[in-house]
Protein backbone atom coordinates (compact mmCIF):
# COMPACT_ATOMS: atom_id res chain seq x y z
CA MET A 1 43.27 169.66 73.72
CA ALA A 2 46.76 170.37 75.03
CA ASN A 3 48.11 168.22 72.19
CA ILE A 4 46.46 170.56 69.70
CA CYS A 5 47.96 173.65 71.31
CA ARG A 6 51.41 172.15 71.74
CA ALA A 7 51.58 170.97 68.15
CA TYR A 8 50.47 174.39 66.94
CA ILE A 9 53.13 176.07 69.08
CA LEU A 10 55.88 173.84 67.73
CA THR A 11 54.90 174.26 64.08
CA ASP A 12 53.80 177.89 63.99
CA MET A 13 55.94 180.04 66.31
CA PRO A 14 56.08 183.75 65.41
CA LEU A 15 59.43 185.37 64.76
CA ARG A 16 60.81 187.78 67.36
CA THR A 17 61.12 190.46 64.69
CA ASP A 18 57.40 190.01 64.01
CA ILE A 19 56.69 190.50 67.74
CA ARG A 20 58.56 193.83 67.79
CA ALA A 21 56.67 195.02 64.71
CA LYS A 22 53.40 194.05 66.33
CA ARG A 23 54.23 196.05 69.43
CA ASP A 24 54.99 199.13 67.34
CA ALA A 25 51.76 198.73 65.40
CA HIS A 26 49.77 198.28 68.58
CA ARG A 27 50.82 201.71 69.87
CA TRP A 28 49.10 203.58 67.09
CA PHE A 29 46.33 201.01 66.75
CA ALA A 30 45.15 201.74 70.30
CA VAL A 31 43.76 205.04 69.01
CA LEU A 32 41.17 203.06 66.99
CA ALA A 33 40.13 200.87 69.96
CA PRO A 34 36.85 202.69 70.83
CA LEU A 35 35.69 202.57 67.21
CA ILE A 36 36.55 198.89 66.89
CA ASP A 37 34.71 198.05 70.12
CA ALA A 38 31.60 199.94 68.98
CA LEU A 39 31.63 198.17 65.60
CA ASP A 40 32.03 194.80 67.31
CA ARG A 41 29.03 195.46 69.56
CA HIS A 42 26.95 196.61 66.61
CA LEU A 43 27.70 193.49 64.59
CA ARG A 44 26.97 191.19 67.50
CA ARG A 45 23.57 192.82 67.98
CA ARG A 46 22.80 192.68 64.29
CA LEU A 47 23.77 189.02 63.96
CA GLN A 48 22.27 188.09 67.36
CA VAL A 49 25.53 186.67 68.69
CA THR A 50 24.98 186.02 72.38
CA GLU A 51 26.79 184.67 75.44
CA TYR A 52 25.74 181.25 76.67
CA SER A 53 27.98 181.15 79.72
CA SER A 54 28.96 183.52 82.51
CA SER A 55 32.34 181.82 82.99
CA PRO A 56 35.39 184.03 82.27
CA ASP A 57 37.03 180.88 80.86
CA CYS A 58 34.41 180.44 78.09
CA LEU A 59 36.03 181.13 74.72
CA PHE A 60 32.89 181.25 72.60
CA ARG A 61 29.64 183.05 72.01
CA LEU A 62 26.92 181.46 69.90
CA GLN A 63 24.73 182.44 66.99
CA LEU A 64 21.75 180.43 65.78
CA ILE A 65 21.87 180.08 62.01
CA VAL A 66 19.83 178.22 59.38
CA ASN A 67 21.63 175.40 57.59
CA ASP A 68 21.70 175.92 53.82
CA GLU A 69 22.75 172.47 52.64
CA GLU A 70 21.92 168.98 53.89
CA PHE A 71 24.85 167.03 55.38
CA LEU A 72 25.44 163.81 57.23
CA LEU A 73 27.97 163.49 60.08
CA GLU A 74 29.96 160.40 60.90
CA ASP A 75 27.87 159.43 63.91
CA GLY A 76 24.72 159.33 61.74
CA THR A 77 23.42 162.81 62.55
CA LEU A 78 21.56 164.13 59.52
CA VAL A 79 21.12 167.90 59.33
CA ARG A 80 18.71 169.02 56.63
CA ALA A 81 18.59 172.35 54.83
CA GLY A 82 16.45 174.79 56.76
CA GLU A 83 17.27 173.30 60.17
CA ARG A 84 19.07 175.36 62.81
CA LEU A 85 22.72 175.11 63.79
CA VAL A 86 24.76 176.67 66.58
CA ASP A 87 27.55 178.72 65.03
CA LEU A 88 30.44 179.41 67.43
CA HIS A 89 32.14 182.82 67.57
CA PHE A 90 35.30 183.56 69.49
CA TRP A 91 34.66 185.66 72.60
CA ASN A 92 37.61 187.91 71.91
CA GLU A 93 37.79 189.40 75.39
CA HIS A 94 38.10 185.92 76.91
CA VAL A 95 40.82 184.53 74.66
CA PRO A 96 44.01 184.34 76.82
CA LEU A 97 46.73 186.74 75.69
CA ILE A 98 49.72 185.13 74.03
CA PRO A 99 52.80 185.80 76.20
CA ASP A 100 55.40 188.22 74.87
CA GLY A 101 57.74 186.52 72.43
CA ARG A 102 55.94 183.23 71.79
CA PRO A 103 53.28 180.87 73.17
CA THR A 104 54.35 178.50 75.93
CA LEU A 105 53.24 175.09 77.14
CA ALA A 106 51.59 176.83 80.08
CA TYR A 107 49.62 178.82 77.56
CA ALA A 108 48.63 175.59 75.78
CA ARG A 109 47.36 174.14 79.05
CA ARG A 110 45.39 177.30 79.69
CA ILE A 111 43.73 177.05 76.28
CA GLU A 112 42.99 173.37 76.95
CA HIS A 113 41.18 174.27 80.17
CA CYS A 114 39.22 177.05 78.46
CA LEU A 115 38.11 174.79 75.63
CA ASP A 116 36.94 172.13 78.06
CA VAL A 117 34.95 174.75 79.97
CA SER A 118 33.53 176.24 76.78
CA LEU A 119 32.24 172.95 75.39
CA SER A 120 30.95 171.74 78.75
CA GLU A 121 29.06 175.00 79.23
CA LEU A 122 27.64 174.71 75.72
CA ALA A 123 26.41 171.16 76.38
CA HIS A 124 24.74 172.38 79.58
CA HIS A 125 23.20 175.39 77.83
CA LEU A 126 21.64 173.29 75.09
CA ALA A 127 20.33 170.72 77.53
CA SER A 128 18.71 173.35 79.74
CA HIS A 129 16.84 175.22 76.99
CA ASP A 130 13.82 173.44 75.51
CA ASP A 131 13.64 175.97 72.70
CA LEU A 132 16.98 174.62 71.43
CA SER A 133 15.88 170.98 71.31
CA ASP A 134 15.84 171.04 67.48
CA VAL A 135 19.54 171.91 67.24
CA LYS A 136 21.43 168.84 66.06
CA ALA A 137 24.92 170.17 65.38
CA ILE A 138 27.46 172.87 66.17
CA ARG A 139 29.61 174.60 63.57
CA GLY A 140 33.01 176.21 64.05
CA ASN A 141 34.96 178.36 61.60
CA MET A 142 38.72 177.61 61.59
CA SER A 143 39.63 180.95 60.02
CA LEU A 144 42.96 181.19 61.82
CA GLY A 145 45.31 181.90 58.93
CA ALA A 146 46.38 180.45 55.62
CA SER A 147 44.76 177.28 54.28
CA ARG A 148 47.58 175.04 55.51
CA ARG A 149 47.28 176.23 59.09
CA SER A 150 43.49 176.09 59.25
CA GLU A 151 43.43 172.58 57.79
CA GLN A 152 46.09 171.48 60.26
CA LEU A 153 44.07 172.69 63.22
CA ALA A 154 40.90 171.14 61.79
CA ARG A 155 42.62 167.75 61.66
CA MET A 156 43.68 168.14 65.26
CA ALA A 157 40.18 169.21 66.29
CA ALA A 158 38.87 165.97 64.82
CA LYS A 159 40.27 164.15 67.86
CA TYR A 160 37.61 165.93 69.91
CA GLY A 161 34.65 165.11 67.69
CA PHE A 162 34.78 167.89 65.10
CA GLU A 163 34.79 166.92 61.46
CA THR A 164 35.06 168.65 58.09
CA LEU A 165 32.73 168.19 55.14
CA ALA A 166 33.38 168.06 51.44
CA GLN A 167 34.33 171.48 50.08
CA LYS A 168 31.60 173.41 48.26
CA LYS A 169 31.98 175.06 44.84
CA PRO A 170 34.68 177.74 44.44
CA LEU A 171 33.90 181.23 45.64
CA SER A 172 32.62 183.84 43.24
CA ALA A 173 34.41 187.16 42.79
CA GLY A 174 31.85 188.84 45.05
CA GLU A 175 32.21 186.22 47.75
CA THR A 176 35.99 186.52 47.61
CA LEU A 177 35.76 190.29 48.07
CA HIS A 178 33.33 189.85 50.96
CA ARG A 179 35.68 187.40 52.65
CA PHE A 180 38.57 189.81 52.32
CA GLY A 181 36.47 192.48 54.02
CA GLU A 182 35.72 190.04 56.83
CA ASN A 183 39.43 189.34 57.18
CA ILE A 184 40.16 193.06 57.60
CA LEU A 185 37.57 193.22 60.38
CA VAL A 186 38.92 190.11 62.10
CA THR A 187 42.44 191.54 61.90
CA PHE A 188 41.26 194.69 63.68
CA LEU A 189 39.50 192.67 66.37
CA VAL A 190 42.54 190.45 66.98
CA MET A 191 44.88 193.41 67.04
CA ARG A 192 42.54 195.11 69.56
CA ARG A 193 42.54 192.16 72.03
CA ASN A 194 45.53 189.95 71.28
CA PRO A 195 48.14 191.70 69.08
CA SER A 196 50.73 188.94 69.52
CA ALA A 197 48.44 186.63 67.51
CA ILE A 198 48.73 188.77 64.35
CA ARG A 199 50.74 187.23 61.51
CA ALA A 200 51.77 188.38 58.05
CA ASP A 201 49.06 186.25 56.39
CA THR A 202 46.22 187.39 58.65
CA LEU A 203 44.46 189.29 55.85
CA TRP A 204 44.41 186.12 53.76
CA ARG A 205 42.65 183.89 56.29
CA ASP A 206 41.16 180.76 54.85
CA ARG A 207 37.82 179.26 55.94
CA THR A 208 37.71 175.66 57.12
CA LEU A 209 34.33 174.78 58.62
CA VAL A 210 34.19 172.03 61.21
CA TYR A 211 31.09 170.39 62.64
CA LEU A 212 30.31 168.66 65.92
CA SER A 213 27.12 166.70 66.39
CA ARG A 214 25.07 167.49 69.44
CA GLN A 215 25.09 163.89 70.59
CA THR A 216 28.91 163.81 70.40
CA LEU A 217 29.04 167.08 72.35
CA GLU A 218 26.83 165.59 75.04
CA ARG A 219 28.77 162.35 75.15
CA LYS A 220 32.16 164.03 75.50
CA PHE A 221 31.32 167.15 77.50
CA GLY A 222 27.85 166.72 78.95
CA ALA A 223 28.83 165.08 82.21
């Protein structure tokens, strides 16, 4: 996973002028922090997004969702419409803060460690809960910026068992508006916890969904 982080650092470093602007924005943004935290808690309760690990190094929470379209993964895992998936959500409070100025290789190694812990803890959580025995796959949403950046990270994530599926039909006008609203919320959450991660294209985040089969998760991280 360090290779993912290092490649991202080398190809996507923020400008120092952007960093100064982010600091200035963060000063006034702190006034909204209590409201943002309350909204975040409300949405997690409503969507039933829960913690599956007590480790401070775990980067994700999970949500159980119902799959809406049948798909087949490369290792032969078939997930039918109506079956449950684990949908991963970033645990914002646990994402390491990007150092002032730019990410470093030490930061990349820290992220590598956290991802290993997160996926190992997820494998253990699924194995230890009989009520989750029907879950065949895990979904992640690479909504980290413009389409180019999300697709780049998705390709890197493929080295660890994640894969992308064929793109669905284009979004309707209503779906596009809904996504923009989501991007505003995500921008507020990122600014609240990790302001150095904000970029100029944050409000135009793309969605690249990646999937990991449960048997691949167990094979790579279950030990």
